[in-house]
Amino acid sequence: MKILVIHGSPHNGNTLKLTWKLEEAMRKYDDVRFEYLSVNELNVQMCRGCFSCITKGEELCPLKNDDVKLVLEKMDEANGTIFAAPTYMYNIPALMKNLIDRLAYLGHRPRYMSKYAAVISTTCEKGLKEALRYLYLGTVWAWGFQLVGSLGAHTHPFFLTRKNRLNLDNKIDNLAERFYQAITSTEFPSVRFGEMMRYRAMSLHSLYSKEIFSADYRFYHENNEIGQRYFINSVTIGFFIDISSRALSFLIGRSMSKCRKRSDMEQRFLE
């Protein structure tokens, strides 16, 4: 079993040390091995914000021959991924943020719905909650991973009491156990309502804006491997979740249709 760690710090500091502790806790499982990718050591060009990857397709990104493809390949190969980055001014470092920007299209066309992930961050003072939330929203949720858990620590000497250290050790052991159990489980979690609505909303959006978001339209409506039911056809979708999400998506579709007509009228007016 391979666990990939994407480390988004400009140096090897407290966040990496915390990740090492998690690796140590998972060593009790003989079949687990860790692989580390340090963004600081990768060639990841700055995102230009051209939006081409989202609207037309990631293959049309103007930035070529860097290590973003390598990151994707490593995540494809791994059974689980850990996103680790320190807290800088209530957020993650620019290195990690740029990598997430380069893979922004995964928020429209998730790739890792059948895989698991965790997020790790540390801070000397404040902003830990915000950084962990961004790591979750920017990577785990956006790219389709199933979140196993998050791990955060305050590293200022004032917080390094014996009680806090023991509490952190317990959190590390707990996350290690849950991560291993999730990956080795033969049963994939059933789809939750929010996840189902995400799929239906994105599918509708791609339908009503296919002239602009052509890559999304191909993903949701022309790719036979995806189908029309959910990202993964083999997962369990509860009856209530299926019916209620269909009803709500019908209302969303009507709203999108009206917005499209209004937008067409306004565009003609501007012309």
C-alpha atoms as a PDB file:
ATOM      1  CA  MET A   1       0.000   0.000   0.000  1.00  0.00           C
ATOM      2  CA  LYS A   2       1.404   3.375  -1.027  1.00  0.00           C
ATOM      3  CA  ILE A   3       0.656   6.649   0.749  1.00  0.00           C
ATOM      4  CA  LEU A   4       1.687   9.754  -1.172  1.00  0.00           C
ATOM      5  CA  VAL A   5       2.575  12.916   0.761  1.00  0.00           C
ATOM      6  CA  ILE A   6       2.454  16.195  -1.150  1.00  0.00           C
ATOM      7  CA  HIS A   7       4.472  18.568   1.001  1.00  0.00           C
ATOM      8  CA  GLY A   8       3.858  22.227   0.182  1.00  0.00           C
ATOM      9  CA  SER A   9       6.394  24.090   2.306  1.00  0.00           C
ATOM     10  CA  PRO A  10       9.534  25.960   1.173  1.00  0.00           C
ATOM     11  CA  HIS A  11      11.538  24.114   3.846  1.00  0.00           C
ATOM     12  CA  ASN A  12      11.453  20.962   5.965  1.00  0.00           C
ATOM     13  CA  GLY A  13       9.847  22.232   9.143  1.00  0.00           C
ATOM     14  CA  ASN A  14       7.181  21.338  11.675  1.00  0.00           C
ATOM     15  CA  THR A  15       4.563  20.239   9.156  1.00  0.00           C
ATOM     16  CA  LEU A  16       6.902  17.654   7.674  1.00  0.00           C
ATOM     17  CA  LYS A  17       7.865  16.473  11.164  1.00  0.00           C
ATOM     18  CA  LEU A  18       4.176  16.006  11.985  1.00  0.00           C
ATOM     19  CA  THR A  19       3.772  13.982   8.802  1.00  0.00           C
ATOM     20  CA  TRP A  20       6.725  11.828   9.815  1.00  0.00           C
ATOM     21  CA  LYS A  21       4.947  11.102  13.098  1.00  0.00           C
ATOM     22  CA  LEU A  22       1.906   9.925  11.175  1.00  0.00           C
ATOM     23  CA  GLU A  23       4.126   7.713   9.019  1.00  0.00           C
ATOM     24  CA  GLU A  24       5.697   6.268  12.165  1.00  0.00           C
ATOM     25  CA  ALA A  25       2.250   5.503  13.557  1.00  0.00           C
ATOM     26  CA  MET A  26       1.332   3.659  10.358  1.00  0.00           C
ATOM     27  CA  ARG A  27       4.500   1.549  10.345  1.00  0.00           C
ATOM     28  CA  LYS A  28       2.718  -1.013  12.512  1.00  0.00           C
ATOM     29  CA  TYR A  29       1.023  -2.052   9.287  1.00  0.00           C
ATOM     30  CA  ASP A  30       3.716  -3.941   7.406  1.00  0.00           C
ATOM     31  CA  ASP A  31       2.310  -3.298   3.942  1.00  0.00           C
ATOM     32  CA  VAL A  32       2.338   0.531   4.188  1.00  0.00           C
ATOM     33  CA  ARG A  33       5.019   2.634   2.541  1.00  0.00           C
ATOM     34  CA  PHE A  34       5.227   6.408   2.204  1.00  0.00           C
ATOM     35  CA  GLU A  35       6.425   8.470  -0.757  1.00  0.00           C
ATOM     36  CA  TYR A  36       7.099  12.200  -0.445  1.00  0.00           C
ATOM     37  CA  LEU A  37       6.755  14.871  -3.115  1.00  0.00           C
ATOM     38  CA  SER A  38       8.083  18.249  -2.043  1.00  0.00           C
ATOM     39  CA  VAL A  39       6.553  21.021  -4.130  1.00  0.00           C
ATOM     40  CA  ASN A  40       9.618  23.128  -3.363  1.00  0.00           C
ATOM     41  CA  GLU A  41      11.737  20.639  -5.297  1.00  0.00           C
ATOM     42  CA  LEU A  42       9.358  20.336  -8.255  1.00  0.00           C
ATOM     43  CA  ASN A  43       9.211  22.435 -11.388  1.00  0.00           C
ATOM     44  CA  VAL A  44       5.687  23.862 -11.251  1.00  0.00           C
ATOM     45  CA  GLN A  45       5.260  26.964 -13.385  1.00  0.00           C
ATOM     46  CA  MET A  46       3.027  29.773 -12.149  1.00  0.00           C
ATOM     47  CA  CYS A  47      -0.589  29.461 -13.232  1.00  0.00           C
ATOM     48  CA  ARG A  48      -1.549  32.158 -15.754  1.00  0.00           C
ATOM     49  CA  GLY A  49      -5.239  32.102 -14.902  1.00  0.00           C
ATOM     50  CA  CYS A  50      -6.212  31.701 -18.562  1.00  0.00           C
ATOM     51  CA  PHE A  51      -9.114  29.366 -17.609  1.00  0.00           C
ATOM     52  CA  SER A  52      -8.384  27.110 -20.599  1.00  0.00           C
ATOM     53  CA  CYS A  53      -8.023  23.947 -18.509  1.00  0.00           C
ATOM     54  CA  ILE A  54     -11.460  24.463 -17.006  1.00  0.00           C
ATOM     55  CA  THR A  55     -13.400  25.537 -20.079  1.00  0.00           C
ATOM     56  CA  LYS A  56     -11.691  23.737 -22.981  1.00  0.00           C
ATOM     57  CA  GLY A  57      -9.673  20.957 -21.349  1.00  0.00           C
ATOM     58  CA  GLU A  58      -6.492  20.485 -19.331  1.00  0.00           C
ATOM     59  CA  GLU A  59      -4.627  19.313 -22.424  1.00  0.00           C
ATOM     60  CA  LEU A  60      -4.809  22.916 -23.700  1.00  0.00           C
ATOM     61  CA  CYS A  61      -2.932  24.421 -20.745  1.00  0.00           C
ATOM     62  CA  PRO A  62      -0.228  26.700 -22.241  1.00  0.00           C
ATOM     63  CA  LEU A  63       2.287  25.568 -19.593  1.00  0.00           C
ATOM     64  CA  LYS A  64       4.131  22.491 -20.751  1.00  0.00           C
ATOM     65  CA  ASN A  65       7.034  20.306 -19.702  1.00  0.00           C
ATOM     66  CA  ASP A  66       6.878  20.816 -15.948  1.00  0.00           C
ATOM     67  CA  ASP A  67       6.125  18.446 -13.063  1.00  0.00           C
ATOM     68  CA  VAL A  68       2.347  18.851 -12.740  1.00  0.00           C
ATOM     69  CA  LYS A  69       1.852  15.699 -14.803  1.00  0.00           C
ATOM     70  CA  LEU A  70       4.171  13.872 -12.392  1.00  0.00           C
ATOM     71  CA  VAL A  71       2.001  14.907  -9.433  1.00  0.00           C
ATOM     72  CA  LEU A  72      -1.072  13.502 -11.179  1.00  0.00           C
ATOM     73  CA  GLU A  73       0.696  10.248 -11.984  1.00  0.00           C
ATOM     74  CA  LYS A  74       1.817   9.827  -8.380  1.00  0.00           C
ATOM     75  CA  MET A  75      -1.724  10.432  -7.074  1.00  0.00           C
ATOM     76  CA  ASP A  76      -3.068   7.956  -9.614  1.00  0.00           C
ATOM     77  CA  GLU A  77      -0.646   5.295  -8.370  1.00  0.00           C
ATOM     78  CA  ALA A  78      -1.140   5.914  -4.645  1.00  0.00           C
ATOM     79  CA  ASN A  79      -3.813   4.297  -2.502  1.00  0.00           C
ATOM     80  CA  GLY A  80      -4.098   7.434  -0.389  1.00  0.00           C
ATOM     81  CA  THR A  81      -2.778  10.977  -0.484  1.00  0.00           C
ATOM     82  CA  ILE A  82      -1.800  13.352   2.323  1.00  0.00           C
ATOM     83  CA  PHE A  83      -1.744  17.077   1.598  1.00  0.00           C
ATOM     84  CA  ALA A  84       0.626  18.737   4.067  1.00  0.00           C
ATOM     85  CA  ALA A  85       1.357  22.451   4.182  1.00  0.00           C
ATOM     86  CA  PRO A  86       2.081  24.936   6.985  1.00  0.00           C
ATOM     87  CA  THR A  87      -0.068  27.920   7.836  1.00  0.00           C
ATOM     88  CA  TYR A  88       1.150  31.246   6.446  1.00  0.00           C
ATOM     89  CA  MET A  89      -1.060  34.223   7.302  1.00  0.00           C
ATOM     90  CA  TYR A  90      -4.318  32.245   7.631  1.00  0.00           C
ATOM     91  CA  ASN A  91      -3.624  30.180   4.524  1.00  0.00           C
ATOM     92  CA  ILE A  92      -1.145  27.818   2.878  1.00  0.00           C
ATOM     93  CA  PRO A  93       2.158  28.871   1.234  1.00  0.00           C
ATOM     94  CA  ALA A  94       2.188  30.192  -2.326  1.00  0.00           C
ATOM     95  CA  LEU A  95       4.009  27.052  -3.494  1.00  0.00           C
ATOM     96  CA  MET A  96       1.110  24.819  -2.561  1.00  0.00           C
ATOM     97  CA  LYS A  97      -1.518  27.330  -3.671  1.00  0.00           C
ATOM     98  CA  ASN A  98       0.030  27.517  -7.136  1.00  0.00           C
ATOM     99  CA  LEU A  99      -0.050  23.723  -7.508  1.00  0.00           C
ATOM    100  CA  ILE A 100      -3.722  23.743  -6.550  1.00  0.00           C
ATOM    101  CA  ASP A 101      -4.363  26.542  -9.070  1.00  0.00           C
ATOM    102  CA  ARG A 102      -2.658  24.525 -11.797  1.00  0.00           C
ATOM    103  CA  LEU A 103      -5.054  21.645 -11.090  1.00  0.00           C
ATOM    104  CA  ALA A 104      -8.162  23.801 -10.740  1.00  0.00           C
ATOM    105  CA  TYR A 105      -9.971  21.874 -13.471  1.00  0.00           C
ATOM    106  CA  LEU A 106     -10.208  18.912 -11.088  1.00  0.00           C
ATOM    107  CA  GLY A 107     -12.797  20.945  -9.194  1.00  0.00           C
ATOM    108  CA  HIS A 108     -15.011  20.739 -12.284  1.00  0.00           C
ATOM    109  CA  ARG A 109     -14.066  17.224 -13.335  1.00  0.00           C
ATOM    110  CA  PRO A 110     -13.061  15.253 -10.204  1.00  0.00           C
ATOM    111  CA  ARG A 111     -10.593  12.448 -10.792  1.00  0.00           C
ATOM    112  CA  TYR A 112     -10.180  10.742  -7.421  1.00  0.00           C
ATOM    113  CA  MET A 113     -13.681   9.851  -6.261  1.00  0.00           C
ATOM    114  CA  SER A 114     -12.603   6.328  -5.290  1.00  0.00           C
ATOM    115  CA  LYS A 115      -9.542   7.330  -3.257  1.00  0.00           C
ATOM    116  CA  TYR A 116      -8.868   8.619   0.253  1.00  0.00           C
ATOM    117  CA  ALA A 117      -6.953  11.604   1.570  1.00  0.00           C
ATOM    118  CA  ALA A 118      -6.027  13.548   4.691  1.00  0.00           C
ATOM    119  CA  VAL A 119      -4.784  17.095   5.307  1.00  0.00           C
ATOM    120  CA  ILE A 120      -2.062  18.266   7.698  1.00  0.00           C
ATOM    121  CA  SER A 121      -0.943  21.723   8.776  1.00  0.00           C
ATOM    122  CA  THR A 122       0.880  23.459  11.624  1.00  0.00           C
ATOM    123  CA  THR A 123       1.029  27.021  12.863  1.00  0.00           C
ATOM    124  CA  CYS A 124       3.013  29.032  15.368  1.00  0.00           C
ATOM    125  CA  GLU A 125       0.063  31.275  16.189  1.00  0.00           C
ATOM    126  CA  LYS A 126      -3.287  31.611  14.387  1.00  0.00           C
ATOM    127  CA  GLY A 127      -4.943  30.566  11.143  1.00  0.00           C
ATOM    128  CA  LEU A 128      -4.679  26.787  11.503  1.00  0.00           C
ATOM    129  CA  LYS A 129      -8.403  26.212  11.071  1.00  0.00           C
ATOM    130  CA  GLU A 130      -8.493  28.358   7.934  1.00  0.00           C
ATOM    131  CA  ALA A 131      -5.469  26.623   6.380  1.00  0.00           C
ATOM    132  CA  LEU A 132      -6.855  23.143   7.044  1.00  0.00           C
ATOM    133  CA  ARG A 133     -10.212  24.172   5.614  1.00  0.00           C
ATOM    134  CA  TYR A 134      -8.580  25.503   2.455  1.00  0.00           C
ATOM    135  CA  LEU A 135      -6.500  22.354   2.022  1.00  0.00           C
ATOM    136  CA  TYR A 136      -9.696  20.332   2.315  1.00  0.00           C
ATOM    137  CA  LEU A 137     -11.737  22.489  -0.078  1.00  0.00           C
ATOM    138  CA  GLY A 138      -8.915  23.094  -2.545  1.00  0.00           C
ATOM    139  CA  THR A 139      -7.741  19.509  -2.863  1.00  0.00           C
ATOM    140  CA  VAL A 140      -9.652  16.743  -1.077  1.00  0.00           C
ATOM    141  CA  TRP A 141     -13.187  17.963  -1.764  1.00  0.00           C
ATOM    142  CA  ALA A 142     -12.483  19.654  -5.095  1.00  0.00           C
ATOM    143  CA  TRP A 143     -10.571  16.743  -6.606  1.00  0.00           C
ATOM    144  CA  GLY A 144     -13.023  14.118  -5.377  1.00  0.00           C
ATOM    145  CA  PHE A 145     -11.116  12.368  -2.587  1.00  0.00           C
ATOM    146  CA  GLN A 146     -12.890  10.883   0.406  1.00  0.00           C
ATOM    147  CA  LEU A 147     -11.640  12.772   3.482  1.00  0.00           C
ATOM    148  CA  VAL A 148     -10.340  10.459   6.204  1.00  0.00           C
ATOM    149  CA  GLY A 149      -9.426  13.261   8.591  1.00  0.00           C
ATOM    150  CA  SER A 150      -7.351  16.334   9.283  1.00  0.00           C
ATOM    151  CA  LEU A 151      -4.402  16.846  11.592  1.00  0.00           C
ATOM    152  CA  GLY A 152      -3.279  20.218  12.893  1.00  0.00           C
ATOM    153  CA  ALA A 153      -0.887  21.391  15.586  1.00  0.00           C
ATOM    154  CA  HIS A 154       0.140  24.662  17.254  1.00  0.00           C
ATOM    155  CA  THR A 155       3.919  24.682  17.519  1.00  0.00           C
ATOM    156  CA  HIS A 156       4.452  27.804  19.614  1.00  0.00           C
ATOM    157  CA  PRO A 157       6.243  26.897  22.888  1.00  0.00           C
ATOM    158  CA  PHE A 158       3.243  28.147  24.872  1.00  0.00           C
ATOM    159  CA  PHE A 159       1.147  25.326  23.386  1.00  0.00           C
ATOM    160  CA  LEU A 160       3.689  22.535  23.817  1.00  0.00           C
ATOM    161  CA  THR A 161       2.390  21.325  27.167  1.00  0.00           C
ATOM    162  CA  ARG A 162       2.460  17.682  28.167  1.00  0.00           C
ATOM    163  CA  LYS A 163      -1.330  17.478  27.896  1.00  0.00           C
ATOM    164  CA  ASN A 164      -1.337  18.924  24.373  1.00  0.00           C
ATOM    165  CA  ARG A 165       1.447  16.597  23.274  1.00  0.00           C
ATOM    166  CA  LEU A 166      -0.457  13.552  24.527  1.00  0.00           C
ATOM    167  CA  ASN A 167      -3.610  14.807  22.835  1.00  0.00           C
ATOM    168  CA  LEU A 168      -1.742  15.244  19.548  1.00  0.00           C
ATOM    169  CA  ASP A 169      -0.219  11.761  19.812  1.00  0.00           C
ATOM    170  CA  ASN A 170      -3.708  10.309  20.266  1.00  0.00           C
ATOM    171  CA  LYS A 171      -4.944  12.196  17.192  1.00  0.00           C
ATOM    172  CA  ILE A 172      -2.026  10.870  15.157  1.00  0.00           C
ATOM    173  CA  ASP A 173      -2.701   7.268  16.204  1.00  0.00           C
ATOM    174  CA  ASN A 174      -6.405   7.681  15.517  1.00  0.00           C
ATOM    175  CA  LEU A 175      -5.844   9.118  12.041  1.00  0.00           C
ATOM    176  CA  ALA A 176      -3.320   6.393  11.209  1.00  0.00           C
ATOM    177  CA  GLU A 177      -5.807   3.681  12.115  1.00  0.00           C
ATOM    178  CA  ARG A 178      -8.712   5.293  10.249  1.00  0.00           C
ATOM    179  CA  PHE A 179      -6.577   5.906   7.169  1.00  0.00           C
ATOM    180  CA  TYR A 180      -5.485   2.284   6.982  1.00  0.00           C
ATOM    181  CA  GLN A 181      -8.980   0.941   7.621  1.00  0.00           C
ATOM    182  CA  ALA A 182     -10.503   3.188   4.960  1.00  0.00           C
ATOM    183  CA  ILE A 183      -8.022   2.162   2.280  1.00  0.00           C
ATOM    184  CA  THR A 184      -8.234  -1.552   3.049  1.00  0.00           C
ATOM    185  CA  SER A 185     -12.021  -1.602   3.353  1.00  0.00           C
ATOM    186  CA  THR A 186     -13.839  -3.607   0.704  1.00  0.00           C
ATOM    187  CA  GLU A 187     -16.948  -1.435   1.013  1.00  0.00           C
ATOM    188  CA  PHE A 188     -16.932   2.031  -0.502  1.00  0.00           C
ATOM    189  CA  PRO A 189     -18.933   4.653   1.455  1.00  0.00           C
ATOM    190  CA  SER A 190     -22.420   5.313   0.142  1.00  0.00           C
ATOM    191  CA  VAL A 191     -22.958   8.643  -1.582  1.00  0.00           C
ATOM    192  CA  ARG A 192     -24.004  11.484   0.683  1.00  0.00           C
ATOM    193  CA  PHE A 193     -26.610  14.079  -0.256  1.00  0.00           C
ATOM    194  CA  GLY A 194     -24.097  16.904  -0.718  1.00  0.00           C
ATOM    195  CA  GLU A 195     -21.937  14.738  -2.982  1.00  0.00           C
ATOM    196  CA  MET A 196     -24.938  13.717  -5.054  1.00  0.00           C
ATOM    197  CA  MET A 197     -26.039  17.322  -5.443  1.00  0.00           C
ATOM    198  CA  ARG A 198     -22.561  18.339  -6.499  1.00  0.00           C
ATOM    199  CA  TYR A 199     -22.655  15.813  -9.314  1.00  0.00           C
ATOM    200  CA  ARG A 200     -26.137  16.819 -10.457  1.00  0.00           C
ATOM    201  CA  ALA A 201     -25.415  20.564 -10.260  1.00  0.00           C
ATOM    202  CA  MET A 202     -22.178  20.264 -12.222  1.00  0.00           C
ATOM    203  CA  SER A 203     -23.876  18.065 -14.794  1.00  0.00           C
ATOM    204  CA  LEU A 204     -26.649  20.628 -15.255  1.00  0.00           C
ATOM    205  CA  HIS A 205     -24.172  23.496 -15.401  1.00  0.00           C
ATOM    206  CA  SER A 206     -22.210  21.761 -18.144  1.00  0.00           C
ATOM    207  CA  LEU A 207     -25.422  21.180 -20.071  1.00  0.00           C
ATOM    208  CA  TYR A 208     -26.636  24.781 -19.977  1.00  0.00           C
ATOM    209  CA  SER A 209     -23.209  26.298 -20.628  1.00  0.00           C
ATOM    210  CA  LYS A 210     -21.698  23.734 -22.990  1.00  0.00           C
ATOM    211  CA  GLU A 211     -20.628  26.399 -25.502  1.00  0.00           C
ATOM    212  CA  ILE A 212     -18.192  27.788 -22.919  1.00  0.00           C
ATOM    213  CA  PHE A 213     -17.519  24.795 -20.641  1.00  0.00           C
ATOM    214  CA  SER A 214     -17.089  22.285 -23.442  1.00  0.00           C
ATOM    215  CA  ALA A 215     -14.667  20.105 -21.432  1.00  0.00           C
ATOM    216  CA  ASP A 216     -17.230  19.738 -18.642  1.00  0.00           C
ATOM    217  CA  TYR A 217     -19.931  18.843 -21.160  1.00  0.00           C
ATOM    218  CA  ARG A 218     -17.775  16.070 -22.595  1.00  0.00           C
ATOM    219  CA  PHE A 219     -17.004  14.801 -19.097  1.00  0.00           C
ATOM    220  CA  TYR A 220     -20.603  14.646 -17.866  1.00  0.00           C
ATOM    221  CA  HIS A 221     -22.545  13.909 -21.047  1.00  0.00           C
ATOM    222  CA  GLU A 222     -20.290  12.338 -23.674  1.00  0.00           C
ATOM    223  CA  ASN A 223     -17.940  10.145 -21.684  1.00  0.00           C
ATOM    224  CA  ASN A 224     -19.500   6.680 -21.515  1.00  0.00           C
ATOM    225  CA  GLU A 225     -17.193   5.646 -18.692  1.00  0.00           C
ATOM    226  CA  ILE A 226     -18.738   8.286 -16.429  1.00  0.00           C
ATOM    227  CA  GLY A 227     -22.355   7.687 -17.338  1.00  0.00           C
ATOM    228  CA  GLN A 228     -25.278   9.752 -16.128  1.00  0.00           C
ATOM    229  CA  ARG A 229     -25.853   8.416 -12.602  1.00  0.00           C
ATOM    230  CA  TYR A 230     -22.806   9.470 -10.601  1.00  0.00           C
ATOM    231  CA  PHE A 231     -19.030   9.810 -10.897  1.00  0.00           C
ATOM    232  CA  ILE A 232     -18.705   6.126  -9.964  1.00  0.00           C
ATOM    233  CA  ASN A 233     -21.511   3.911 -11.215  1.00  0.00           C
ATOM    234  CA  SER A 234     -20.873   1.093  -8.746  1.00  0.00           C
ATOM    235  CA  VAL A 235     -21.451   3.095  -5.537  1.00  0.00           C
ATOM    236  CA  THR A 236     -24.587   2.872  -3.419  1.00  0.00           C
ATOM    237  CA  ILE A 237     -27.041   5.779  -3.693  1.00  0.00           C
ATOM    238  CA  GLY A 238     -29.787   5.760  -1.088  1.00  0.00           C
ATOM    239  CA  PHE A 239     -33.379   5.987  -2.267  1.00  0.00           C
ATOM    240  CA  PHE A 240     -34.133   9.218  -0.364  1.00  0.00           C
ATOM    241  CA  ILE A 241     -30.892  10.849  -1.525  1.00  0.00           C
ATOM    242  CA  ASP A 242     -31.581   9.847  -5.118  1.00  0.00           C
ATOM    243  CA  ILE A 243     -35.169  11.131  -5.151  1.00  0.00           C
ATOM    244  CA  SER A 244     -34.558  14.342  -3.196  1.00  0.00           C
ATOM    245  CA  SER A 245     -31.485  15.249  -5.251  1.00  0.00           C
ATOM    246  CA  ARG A 246     -33.447  14.680  -8.450  1.00  0.00           C
ATOM    247  CA  ALA A 247     -36.226  16.968  -7.231  1.00  0.00           C
ATOM    248  CA  LEU A 248     -33.814  19.704  -6.192  1.00  0.00           C
ATOM    249  CA  SER A 249     -31.808  19.397  -9.407  1.00  0.00           C
ATOM    250  CA  PHE A 250     -35.037  19.890 -11.368  1.00  0.00           C
ATOM    251  CA  LEU A 251     -35.491  23.255  -9.656  1.00  0.00           C
ATOM    252  CA  ILE A 252     -31.851  24.141 -10.207  1.00  0.00           C
ATOM    253  CA  GLY A 253     -32.190  23.242 -13.875  1.00  0.00           C
ATOM    254  CA  ARG A 254     -35.180  25.546 -14.276  1.00  0.00           C
ATOM    255  CA  SER A 255     -33.229  28.355 -12.643  1.00  0.00           C
ATOM    256  CA  MET A 256     -30.243  27.768 -14.917  1.00  0.00           C
ATOM    257  CA  SER A 257     -32.498  27.775 -17.951  1.00  0.00           C
ATOM    258  CA  LYS A 258     -33.951  31.147 -16.970  1.00  0.00           C
ATOM    259  CA  CYS A 259     -30.480  32.543 -16.280  1.00  0.00           C
ATOM    260  CA  ARG A 260     -29.310  31.380 -19.697  1.00  0.00           C
ATOM    261  CA  LYS A 261     -32.219  33.108 -21.453  1.00  0.00           C
ATOM    262  CA  ARG A 262     -31.666  36.290 -19.470  1.00  0.00           C
ATOM    263  CA  SER A 263     -27.953  36.162 -20.216  1.00  0.00           C
ATOM    264  CA  ASP A 264     -28.612  35.743 -23.954  1.00  0.00           C
ATOM    265  CA  MET A 265     -30.881  38.787 -23.904  1.00  0.00           C
ATOM    266  CA  GLU A 266     -28.356  40.889 -22.026  1.00  0.00           C
ATOM    267  CA  GLN A 267     -25.605  39.834 -24.411  1.00  0.00           C
ATOM    268  CA  ARG A 268     -27.653  40.946 -27.415  1.00  0.00           C
ATOM    269  CA  PHE A 269     -28.296  44.238 -25.639  1.00  0.00           C
ATOM    270  CA  LEU A 270     -24.571  44.765 -25.046  1.00  0.00           C
ATOM    271  CA  GLU A 271     -23.811  44.031 -28.667  1.00  0.00           C
END
